[in-house]
PDB file of N, CA and C in Angstrom:
ATOM      1  N   MET A   1     -11.999 -19.012   3.353  1.00  0.00           N
ATOM      2  CA  MET A   1     -11.966 -17.264   3.656  1.00  0.00           C
ATOM      3  C   MET A   1     -10.755 -16.707   3.857  1.00  0.00           C
ATOM      4  N   ASP A   2      -9.824 -17.179   3.231  1.00  0.00           N
ATOM      5  CA  ASP A   2      -8.154 -16.640   2.895  1.00  0.00           C
ATOM      6  C   ASP A   2      -8.656 -15.867   1.669  1.00  0.00           C
ATOM      7  N   LYS A   3      -9.427 -16.372   0.441  1.00  0.00           N
ATOM      8  CA  LYS A   3      -9.716 -15.957  -0.928  1.00  0.00           C
ATOM      9  C   LYS A   3     -10.781 -14.858  -0.780  1.00  0.00           C
ATOM     10  N   ILE A   4     -11.457 -14.961  -0.089  1.00  0.00           N
ATOM     11  CA  ILE A   4     -12.540 -13.721   0.096  1.00  0.00           C
ATOM     12  C   ILE A   4     -12.128 -12.375   0.778  1.00  0.00           C
ATOM     13  N   ILE A   5     -10.727 -12.191   1.968  1.00  0.00           N
ATOM     14  CA  ILE A   5     -10.338 -11.492   2.636  1.00  0.00           C
ATOM     15  C   ILE A   5      -9.418 -11.284   1.639  1.00  0.00           C
ATOM     16  N   TYR A   6      -8.640 -11.757   0.611  1.00  0.00           N
ATOM     17  CA  TYR A   6      -7.933 -11.773  -0.140  1.00  0.00           C
ATOM     18  C   TYR A   6      -8.593 -10.599  -1.383  1.00  0.00           C
ATOM     19  N   LEU A   7      -9.616 -11.088  -1.915  1.00  0.00           N
ATOM     20  CA  LEU A   7     -10.509 -10.202  -2.822  1.00  0.00           C
ATOM     21  C   LEU A   7     -11.094  -8.773  -2.605  1.00  0.00           C
ATOM     22  N   THR A   8     -11.397  -9.288  -1.373  1.00  0.00           N
ATOM     23  CA  THR A   8     -12.046  -7.573  -0.611  1.00  0.00           C
ATOM     24  C   THR A   8     -10.887  -6.841  -0.696  1.00  0.00           C
ATOM     25  N   ASN A   9      -9.650  -7.412  -0.277  1.00  0.00           N
ATOM     26  CA  ASN A   9      -8.358  -5.798   0.002  1.00  0.00           C
ATOM     27  C   ASN A   9      -8.189  -5.463  -1.391  1.00  0.00           C
ATOM     28  N   LEU A  10      -8.373  -6.626  -2.505  1.00  0.00           N
ATOM     29  CA  LEU A  10      -7.919  -5.954  -3.875  1.00  0.00           C
ATOM     30  C   LEU A  10      -9.259  -5.167  -4.026  1.00  0.00           C
ATOM     31  N   PHE A  11     -10.488  -5.476  -4.128  1.00  0.00           N
ATOM     32  CA  PHE A  11     -11.206  -4.500  -4.280  1.00  0.00           C
ATOM     33  C   PHE A  11     -10.939  -2.941  -3.706  1.00  0.00           C
ATOM     34  N   ASP A  12     -10.547  -2.797  -2.307  1.00  0.00           N
ATOM     35  CA  ASP A  12      -9.941  -1.515  -2.261  1.00  0.00           C
ATOM     36  C   ASP A  12      -8.869  -0.958  -2.951  1.00  0.00           C
ATOM     37  N   TYR A  13      -8.366  -1.566  -3.163  1.00  0.00           N
ATOM     38  CA  TYR A  13      -7.526  -0.994  -4.418  1.00  0.00           C
ATOM     39  C   TYR A  13      -7.589  -0.700  -5.664  1.00  0.00           C
ATOM     40  N   TYR A  14      -8.350  -1.985  -6.163  1.00  0.00           N
ATOM     41  CA  TYR A  14      -8.657  -1.672  -7.293  1.00  0.00           C
ATOM     42  C   TYR A  14     -10.339  -1.542  -8.303  1.00  0.00           C
ATOM     43  N   GLY A  15     -11.126  -1.676  -7.127  1.00  0.00           N
ATOM     44  CA  GLY A  15     -12.573  -1.507  -7.563  1.00  0.00           C
ATOM     45  C   GLY A  15     -13.034  -0.091  -8.328  1.00  0.00           C
ATOM     46  N   SER A  16     -12.584   0.880  -8.021  1.00  0.00           N
ATOM     47  CA  SER A  16     -13.200   1.895  -9.243  1.00  0.00           C
ATOM     48  C   SER A  16     -12.473   1.482 -10.281  1.00  0.00           C
ATOM     49  N   LEU A  17     -11.494   0.548 -11.075  1.00  0.00           N
ATOM     50  CA  LEU A  17     -11.469   0.257 -12.038  1.00  0.00           C
ATOM     51  C   LEU A  17     -12.924  -0.711 -12.606  1.00  0.00           C
ATOM     52  N   LEU A  18     -13.659  -1.179 -12.046  1.00  0.00           N
ATOM     53  CA  LEU A  18     -14.836  -2.169 -12.251  1.00  0.00           C
ATOM     54  C   LEU A  18     -15.845  -1.320 -12.952  1.00  0.00           C
ATOM     55  N   THR A  19     -16.859  -1.944 -13.653  1.00  0.00           N
ATOM     56  CA  THR A  19     -17.884  -1.439 -13.969  1.00  0.00           C
ATOM     57  C   THR A  19     -18.590  -0.960 -12.729  1.00  0.00           C
ATOM     58  N   ASP A  20     -19.692  -0.105 -12.897  1.00  0.00           N
ATOM     59  CA  ASP A  20     -20.516  -0.196 -12.129  1.00  0.00           C
ATOM     60  C   ASP A  20     -21.362  -1.196 -11.525  1.00  0.00           C
ATOM     61  N   LYS A  21     -21.667  -1.717 -12.309  1.00  0.00           N
ATOM     62  CA  LYS A  21     -22.789  -2.632 -12.206  1.00  0.00           C
ATOM     63  C   LYS A  21     -21.916  -4.063 -11.498  1.00  0.00           C
ATOM     64  N   GLN A  22     -20.286  -4.279 -11.531  1.00  0.00           N
ATOM     65  CA  GLN A  22     -19.555  -4.858 -11.282  1.00  0.00           C
ATOM     66  C   GLN A  22     -18.984  -5.015  -9.922  1.00  0.00           C
ATOM     67  N   GLN A  23     -19.135  -3.734  -9.556  1.00  0.00           N
ATOM     68  CA  GLN A  23     -18.960  -2.946  -8.221  1.00  0.00           C
ATOM     69  C   GLN A  23     -19.957  -3.441  -7.296  1.00  0.00           C
ATOM     70  N   LYS A  24     -21.530  -2.879  -7.863  1.00  0.00           N
ATOM     71  CA  LYS A  24     -22.510  -3.485  -7.293  1.00  0.00           C
ATOM     72  C   LYS A  24     -22.611  -4.428  -6.715  1.00  0.00           C
ATOM     73  N   TYR A  25     -22.699  -5.506  -7.766  1.00  0.00           N
ATOM     74  CA  TYR A  25     -22.691  -7.103  -7.264  1.00  0.00           C
ATOM     75  C   TYR A  25     -21.935  -7.993  -6.469  1.00  0.00           C
ATOM     76  N   PHE A  26     -20.293  -6.529  -6.556  1.00  0.00           N
ATOM     77  CA  PHE A  26     -19.234  -7.599  -5.792  1.00  0.00           C
ATOM     78  C   PHE A  26     -19.685  -7.338  -4.529  1.00  0.00           C
ATOM     79  N   LYS A  27     -19.973  -5.599  -4.259  1.00  0.00           N
ATOM     80  CA  LYS A  27     -20.303  -5.451  -2.950  1.00  0.00           C
ATOM     81  C   LYS A  27     -21.562  -6.203  -2.415  1.00  0.00           C
ATOM     82  N   ASN A  28     -22.469  -6.369  -3.092  1.00  0.00           N
ATOM     83  CA  ASN A  28     -23.696  -7.481  -2.140  1.00  0.00           C
ATOM     84  C   ASN A  28     -23.332  -8.463  -1.619  1.00  0.00           C
ATOM     85  N   TYR A  29     -22.274  -9.122  -2.980  1.00  0.00           N
ATOM     86  CA  TYR A  29     -22.119 -10.476  -2.447  1.00  0.00           C
ATOM     87  C   TYR A  29     -20.715 -10.526  -1.877  1.00  0.00           C
ATOM     88  N   TYR A  30     -20.016  -9.741  -1.403  1.00  0.00           N
ATOM     89  CA  TYR A  30     -18.862 -10.276  -0.703  1.00  0.00           C
ATOM     90  C   TYR A  30     -18.912  -9.092   0.424  1.00  0.00           C
ATOM     91  N   PHE A  31     -19.873  -7.906   0.714  1.00  0.00           N
ATOM     92  CA  PHE A  31     -19.455  -6.961   2.034  1.00  0.00           C
ATOM     93  C   PHE A  31     -21.054  -6.750   2.565  1.00  0.00           C
ATOM     94  N   HIS A  32     -21.957  -7.604   1.176  1.00  0.00           N
ATOM     95  CA  HIS A  32     -23.329  -7.414   2.173  1.00  0.00           C
ATOM     96  C   HIS A  32     -23.895  -8.651   2.416  1.00  0.00           C
ATOM     97  N   ASN A  33     -23.084  -9.766   1.764  1.00  0.00           N
ATOM     98  CA  ASN A  33     -23.079 -11.175   1.884  1.00  0.00           C
ATOM     99  C   ASN A  33     -24.573 -11.426   1.830  1.00  0.00           C
ATOM    100  N   LEU A  34     -24.924 -11.006   0.292  1.00  0.00           N
ATOM    101  CA  LEU A  34     -26.209 -11.459  -0.209  1.00  0.00           C
ATOM    102  C   LEU A  34     -25.858 -12.670  -1.286  1.00  0.00           C
ATOM    103  N   THR A  35     -26.890 -13.396  -1.468  1.00  0.00           N
ATOM    104  CA  THR A  35     -26.722 -14.385  -2.233  1.00  0.00           C
ATOM    105  C   THR A  35     -27.093 -14.231  -3.738  1.00  0.00           C
ATOM    106  N   LEU A  36     -26.297 -14.644  -4.642  1.00  0.00           N
ATOM    107  CA  LEU A  36     -26.712 -14.599  -6.049  1.00  0.00           C
ATOM    108  C   LEU A  36     -28.145 -14.399  -5.848  1.00  0.00           C
ATOM    109  N   SER A  37     -29.020 -15.381  -5.916  1.00  0.00           N
ATOM    110  CA  SER A  37     -30.579 -15.227  -6.052  1.00  0.00           C
ATOM    111  C   SER A  37     -30.669 -13.988  -5.356  1.00  0.00           C
ATOM    112  N   GLU A  38     -30.234 -13.377  -4.188  1.00  0.00           N
ATOM    113  CA  GLU A  38     -30.966 -12.406  -3.860  1.00  0.00           C
ATOM    114  C   GLU A  38     -30.722 -11.100  -4.821  1.00  0.00           C
ATOM    115  N   ILE A  39     -29.330 -11.109  -4.772  1.00  0.00           N
ATOM    116  CA  ILE A  39     -28.828  -9.868  -5.908  1.00  0.00           C
ATOM    117  C   ILE A  39     -29.446  -9.729  -7.270  1.00  0.00           C
ATOM    118  N   SER A  40     -29.925 -11.271  -7.784  1.00  0.00           N
ATOM    119  CA  SER A  40     -30.565 -11.423  -8.963  1.00  0.00           C
ATOM    120  C   SER A  40     -31.915 -10.772  -8.636  1.00  0.00           C
ATOM    121  N   GLU A  41     -32.350 -11.105  -7.457  1.00  0.00           N
ATOM    122  CA  GLU A  41     -34.224 -10.734  -7.453  1.00  0.00           C
ATOM    123  C   GLU A  41     -34.123  -9.347  -7.073  1.00  0.00           C
ATOM    124  N   ASN A  42     -33.433  -8.797  -6.493  1.00  0.00           N
ATOM    125  CA  ASN A  42     -33.072  -7.085  -6.150  1.00  0.00           C
ATOM    126  C   ASN A  42     -32.460  -6.185  -7.534  1.00  0.00           C
ATOM    127  N   GLN A  43     -31.883  -6.934  -8.320  1.00  0.00           N
ATOM    128  CA  GLN A  43     -31.659  -6.374  -9.688  1.00  0.00           C
ATOM    129  C   GLN A  43     -32.228  -6.466 -10.774  1.00  0.00           C
ATOM    130  N   HIS A  44     -33.279  -7.795 -10.658  1.00  0.00           N
ATOM    131  CA  HIS A  44     -33.888  -8.066 -11.556  1.00  0.00           C
ATOM    132  C   HIS A  44     -33.508  -8.495 -12.524  1.00  0.00           C
ATOM    133  N   VAL A  45     -32.413  -9.407 -12.583  1.00  0.00           N
ATOM    134  CA  VAL A  45     -31.738 -10.023 -13.552  1.00  0.00           C
ATOM    135  C   VAL A  45     -31.674 -11.680 -13.066  1.00  0.00           C
ATOM    136  N   SER A  46     -30.978 -12.383 -13.867  1.00  0.00           N
ATOM    137  CA  SER A  46     -30.835 -13.510 -13.819  1.00  0.00           C
ATOM    138  C   SER A  46     -29.401 -14.161 -12.922  1.00  0.00           C
ATOM    139  N   ARG A  47     -29.755 -15.235 -11.928  1.00  0.00           N
ATOM    140  CA  ARG A  47     -28.793 -15.287 -11.313  1.00  0.00           C
ATOM    141  C   ARG A  47     -27.451 -15.877 -12.154  1.00  0.00           C
ATOM    142  N   ASN A  48     -27.589 -15.888 -13.452  1.00  0.00           N
ATOM    143  CA  ASN A  48     -26.575 -16.344 -13.932  1.00  0.00           C
ATOM    144  C   ASN A  48     -25.485 -14.888 -14.205  1.00  0.00           C
ATOM    145  N   ALA A  49     -26.420 -14.060 -14.768  1.00  0.00           N
ATOM    146  CA  ALA A  49     -25.699 -12.605 -15.101  1.00  0.00           C
ATOM    147  C   ALA A  49     -25.343 -12.048 -14.083  1.00  0.00           C
ATOM    148  N   VAL A  50     -25.661 -12.213 -12.721  1.00  0.00           N
ATOM    149  CA  VAL A  50     -24.691 -11.813 -11.369  1.00  0.00           C
ATOM    150  C   VAL A  50     -23.783 -12.659 -11.265  1.00  0.00           C
ATOM    151  N   TYR A  51     -23.752 -13.881 -11.373  1.00  0.00           N
ATOM    152  CA  TYR A  51     -22.512 -15.235 -11.376  1.00  0.00           C
ATOM    153  C   TYR A  51     -21.586 -14.844 -11.926  1.00  0.00           C
ATOM    154  N   LYS A  52     -21.620 -14.647 -13.675  1.00  0.00           N
ATOM    155  CA  LYS A  52     -20.932 -13.867 -14.411  1.00  0.00           C
ATOM    156  C   LYS A  52     -20.161 -12.768 -14.282  1.00  0.00           C
ATOM    157  N   GLN A  53     -21.197 -11.723 -14.041  1.00  0.00           N
ATOM    158  CA  GLN A  53     -20.419 -10.524 -13.604  1.00  0.00           C
ATOM    159  C   GLN A  53     -19.627 -10.489 -12.353  1.00  0.00           C
ATOM    160  N   ILE A  54     -19.590 -11.220 -10.868  1.00  0.00           N
ATOM    161  CA  ILE A  54     -19.142 -11.493  -9.803  1.00  0.00           C
ATOM    162  C   ILE A  54     -18.032 -11.924 -10.418  1.00  0.00           C
ATOM    163  N   LYS A  55     -18.092 -12.947 -11.058  1.00  0.00           N
ATOM    164  CA  LYS A  55     -16.501 -13.635 -11.888  1.00  0.00           C
ATOM    165  C   LYS A  55     -15.668 -13.146 -12.851  1.00  0.00           C
ATOM    166  N   GLU A  56     -16.563 -11.842 -13.412  1.00  0.00           N
ATOM    167  CA  GLU A  56     -15.155 -11.069 -14.024  1.00  0.00           C
ATOM    168  C   GLU A  56     -15.087 -10.226 -13.681  1.00  0.00           C
ATOM    169  N   ALA A  57     -15.302  -9.455 -12.257  1.00  0.00           N
ATOM    170  CA  ALA A  57     -14.904  -8.538 -11.487  1.00  0.00           C
ATOM    171  C   ALA A  57     -14.008  -9.243 -10.474  1.00  0.00           C
ATOM    172  N   GLU A  58     -13.581 -10.531 -10.492  1.00  0.00           N
ATOM    173  CA  GLU A  58     -12.930 -10.974  -9.352  1.00  0.00           C
ATOM    174  C   GLU A  58     -11.682 -11.156 -10.224  1.00  0.00           C
ATOM    175  N   ASN A  59     -11.832 -11.684 -11.784  1.00  0.00           N
ATOM    176  CA  ASN A  59     -10.961 -12.194 -12.628  1.00  0.00           C
ATOM    177  C   ASN A  59     -10.236 -10.637 -13.063  1.00  0.00           C
ATOM    178  N   LYS A  60     -11.102  -9.784 -12.764  1.00  0.00           N
ATOM    179  CA  LYS A  60     -10.014  -8.285 -12.999  1.00  0.00           C
ATOM    180  C   LYS A  60      -9.384  -7.746 -11.846  1.00  0.00           C
ATOM    181  N   LEU A  61      -9.817  -7.946 -10.829  1.00  0.00           N
ATOM    182  CA  LEU A  61      -9.177  -7.765  -9.826  1.00  0.00           C
ATOM    183  C   LEU A  61      -7.628  -8.722  -9.554  1.00  0.00           C
ATOM    184  N   LEU A  62      -7.844  -9.764 -10.189  1.00  0.00           N
ATOM    185  CA  LEU A  62      -6.381 -10.573  -9.735  1.00  0.00           C
ATOM    186  C   LEU A  62      -5.987 -10.025 -10.892  1.00  0.00           C
ATOM    187  N   TYR A  63      -5.882 -10.013 -12.122  1.00  0.00           N
ATOM    188  CA  TYR A  63      -5.273  -9.065 -13.249  1.00  0.00           C
ATOM    189  C   TYR A  63      -4.854  -8.062 -12.967  1.00  0.00           C
ATOM    190  N   TYR A  64      -5.335  -7.460 -12.136  1.00  0.00           N
ATOM    191  CA  TYR A  64      -4.784  -5.704 -12.125  1.00  0.00           C
ATOM    192  C   TYR A  64      -3.912  -6.157 -10.846  1.00  0.00           C
ATOM    193  N   GLU A  65      -3.788  -6.700 -10.173  1.00  0.00           N
ATOM    194  CA  GLU A  65      -2.965  -6.909  -8.992  1.00  0.00           C
ATOM    195  C   GLU A  65      -1.493  -7.553  -9.558  1.00  0.00           C
ATOM    196  N   SER A  66      -2.099  -8.892 -10.663  1.00  0.00           N
ATOM    197  CA  SER A  66      -0.789  -9.455 -11.102  1.00  0.00           C
ATOM    198  C   SER A  66       0.377  -8.266 -12.145  1.00  0.00           C
ATOM    199  N   ASN A  67      -0.402  -7.669 -12.717  1.00  0.00           N
ATOM    200  CA  ASN A  67       0.283  -6.616 -13.369  1.00  0.00           C
ATOM    201  C   ASN A  67       0.951  -5.600 -12.606  1.00  0.00           C
ATOM    202  N   LEU A  68      -0.165  -4.937 -11.507  1.00  0.00           N
ATOM    203  CA  LEU A  68       0.313  -3.635 -10.688  1.00  0.00           C
ATOM    204  C   LEU A  68       1.017  -3.963  -9.681  1.00  0.00           C
ATOM    205  N   LYS A  69       0.486  -5.313  -8.885  1.00  0.00           N
ATOM    206  CA  LYS A  69       1.117  -5.572  -7.580  1.00  0.00           C
ATOM    207  C   LYS A  69       1.115  -4.373  -6.649  1.00  0.00           C
ATOM    208  N   GLN A  70       0.020  -3.755  -6.727  1.00  0.00           N
ATOM    209  CA  GLN A  70       0.047  -2.404  -5.474  1.00  0.00           C
ATOM    210  C   GLN A  70      -0.457  -3.321  -4.249  1.00  0.00           C
ATOM    211  N   TYR A  71      -1.298  -3.858  -3.929  1.00  0.00           N
ATOM    212  CA  TYR A  71      -1.662  -4.665  -3.081  1.00  0.00           C
ATOM    213  C   TYR A  71      -0.366  -5.696  -2.072  1.00  0.00           C
ATOM    214  N   GLU A  72       0.166  -6.104  -3.143  1.00  0.00           N
ATOM    215  CA  GLU A  72       1.850  -6.447  -2.617  1.00  0.00           C
ATOM    216  C   GLU A  72       2.511  -5.888  -2.129  1.00  0.00           C
ATOM    217  N   ASN A  73       2.802  -4.946  -2.804  1.00  0.00           N
ATOM    218  CA  ASN A  73       4.044  -4.235  -2.252  1.00  0.00           C
ATOM    219  C   ASN A  73       3.233  -3.499  -1.054  1.00  0.00           C
ATOM    220  N   GLY A  74       2.048  -3.211  -1.023  1.00  0.00           N
ATOM    221  CA  GLY A  74       1.715  -2.424   0.648  1.00  0.00           C
ATOM    222  C   GLY A  74       1.983  -3.187   1.356  1.00  0.00           C
ATOM    223  N   GLN A  75       1.766  -4.543   1.613  1.00  0.00           N
ATOM    224  CA  GLN A  75       2.226  -5.425   2.416  1.00  0.00           C
ATOM    225  C   GLN A  75       3.558  -5.370   2.851  1.00  0.00           C
ATOM    226  N   LYS A  76       4.412  -5.390   2.066  1.00  0.00           N
ATOM    227  CA  LYS A  76       5.463  -5.705   1.997  1.00  0.00           C
ATOM    228  C   LYS A  76       6.472  -4.325   2.593  1.00  0.00           C
ATOM    229  N   ILE A  77       5.512  -2.900   2.368  1.00  0.00           N
ATOM    230  CA  ILE A  77       5.854  -1.669   2.961  1.00  0.00           C
ATOM    231  C   ILE A  77       5.537  -1.678   4.711  1.00  0.00           C
ATOM    232  N   LYS A  78       4.445  -2.474   4.755  1.00  0.00           N
ATOM    233  CA  LYS A  78       3.851  -2.456   6.041  1.00  0.00           C
ATOM    234  C   LYS A  78       4.784  -3.246   6.949  1.00  0.00           C
ATOM    235  N   LYS A  79       5.439  -4.586   6.673  1.00  0.00           N
ATOM    236  CA  LYS A  79       6.224  -5.344   7.055  1.00  0.00           C
ATOM    237  C   LYS A  79       7.872  -4.251   7.129  1.00  0.00           C
ATOM    238  N   ILE A  80       8.162  -3.188   6.467  1.00  0.00           N
ATOM    239  CA  ILE A  80       9.252  -2.990   6.553  1.00  0.00           C
ATOM    240  C   ILE A  80       9.085  -1.916   7.858  1.00  0.00           C
ATOM    241  N   ILE A  81       8.153  -0.855   7.660  1.00  0.00           N
ATOM    242  CA  ILE A  81       7.375  -0.129   8.518  1.00  0.00           C
ATOM    243  C   ILE A  81       7.592  -0.698  10.511  1.00  0.00           C
ATOM    244  N   LYS A  82       7.649  -1.947  10.172  1.00  0.00           N
ATOM    245  CA  LYS A  82       6.858  -2.232  11.563  1.00  0.00           C
ATOM    246  C   LYS A  82       8.270  -2.130  12.713  1.00  0.00           C
ATOM    247  N   ASN A  83       9.435  -1.962  11.938  1.00  0.00           N
ATOM    248  CA  ASN A  83      10.610  -2.225  12.497  1.00  0.00           C
ATOM    249  C   ASN A  83      11.442  -0.799  12.616  1.00  0.00           C
ATOM    250  N   LEU A  84      10.475   0.334  12.010  1.00  0.00           N
ATOM    251  CA  LEU A  84      11.026   1.744  12.222  1.00  0.00           C
ATOM    252  C   LEU A  84      10.577   2.665  13.425  1.00  0.00           C
ATOM    253  N   ASP A  85      11.162   3.774  13.471  1.00  0.00           N
ATOM    254  CA  ASP A  85      11.270   4.100  14.859  1.00  0.00           C
ATOM    255  C   ASP A  85       9.277   4.924  15.005  1.00  0.00           C
ATOM    256  N   PRO A  86       9.087   4.856  16.059  1.00  0.00           N
ATOM    257  CA  PRO A  86       7.631   4.665  16.152  1.00  0.00           C
ATOM    258  C   PRO A  86       7.278   6.184  15.378  1.00  0.00           C
ATOM    259  N   LYS A  87       7.878   7.483  15.988  1.00  0.00           N
ATOM    260  CA  LYS A  87       7.371   8.566  14.871  1.00  0.00           C
ATOM    261  C   LYS A  87       7.391   8.579  13.402  1.00  0.00           C
ATOM    262  N   ILE A  88       8.427   7.756  13.147  1.00  0.00           N
ATOM    263  CA  ILE A  88       8.611   7.829  11.389  1.00  0.00           C
ATOM    264  C   ILE A  88       7.607   6.818  11.104  1.00  0.00           C
ATOM    265  N   LYS A  89       7.185   5.618  12.067  1.00  0.00           N
ATOM    266  CA  LYS A  89       6.452   5.121  11.254  1.00  0.00           C
ATOM    267  C   LYS A  89       4.852   5.520  11.579  1.00  0.00           C
ATOM    268  N   ASN A  90       4.788   6.428  12.399  1.00  0.00           N
ATOM    269  CA  ASN A  90       3.387   7.160  12.290  1.00  0.00           C
ATOM    270  C   ASN A  90       3.062   7.987  10.966  1.00  0.00           C
ATOM    271  N   GLN A  91       4.387   8.369  10.817  1.00  0.00           N
ATOM    272  CA  GLN A  91       3.776   9.483   9.627  1.00  0.00           C
ATOM    273  C   GLN A  91       4.256   8.813   8.327  1.00  0.00           C
ATOM    274  N   ILE A  92       4.957   7.733   8.085  1.00  0.00           N
ATOM    275  CA  ILE A  92       4.443   6.535   6.635  1.00  0.00           C
ATOM    276  C   ILE A  92       3.149   6.064   7.022  1.00  0.00           C
ATOM    277  N   GLU A  93       2.468   5.777   8.021  1.00  0.00           N
ATOM    278  CA  GLU A  93       1.409   5.152   8.010  1.00  0.00           C
ATOM    279  C   GLU A  93       0.089   5.950   7.791  1.00  0.00           C
ATOM    280  N   GLU A  94       0.470   7.146   7.743  1.00  0.00           N
ATOM    281  CA  GLU A  94      -0.152   8.463   7.597  1.00  0.00           C
ATOM    282  C   GLU A  94      -0.354   8.363   6.215  1.00  0.00           C
ATOM    283  N   LEU A  95       0.279   8.464   5.592  1.00  0.00           N
ATOM    284  CA  LEU A  95       0.780   8.532   3.726  1.00  0.00           C
ATOM    285  C   LEU A  95      -0.166   7.512   3.270  1.00  0.00           C
ATOM    286  N   LEU A  96       0.058   6.197   3.519  1.00  0.00           N
ATOM    287  CA  LEU A  96      -0.549   4.791   3.692  1.00  0.00           C
ATOM    288  C   LEU A  96      -1.744   5.115   3.588  1.00  0.00           C
TER     289      LEU A  96
END
């Protein structure tokens, strides 16, 4: 479950860097809870093709995060702003 949450969070950061096909398959699999078979039927491709695209998308998301660290840094910033004055905290959260 933690892996799914992590990948979907990474998708929020880096999803636009994936191909349209990878985005579509990833969303169907992780956000709409479709099986590989259901996606393959809907898209008229093999189940293996869907699997490969989703795995490639996952690997790209992990690669982008390992290099850019946007999600990690965002989590660190959220921890820091927890202890700030509520007025300043709200202003920073609006920017994030």
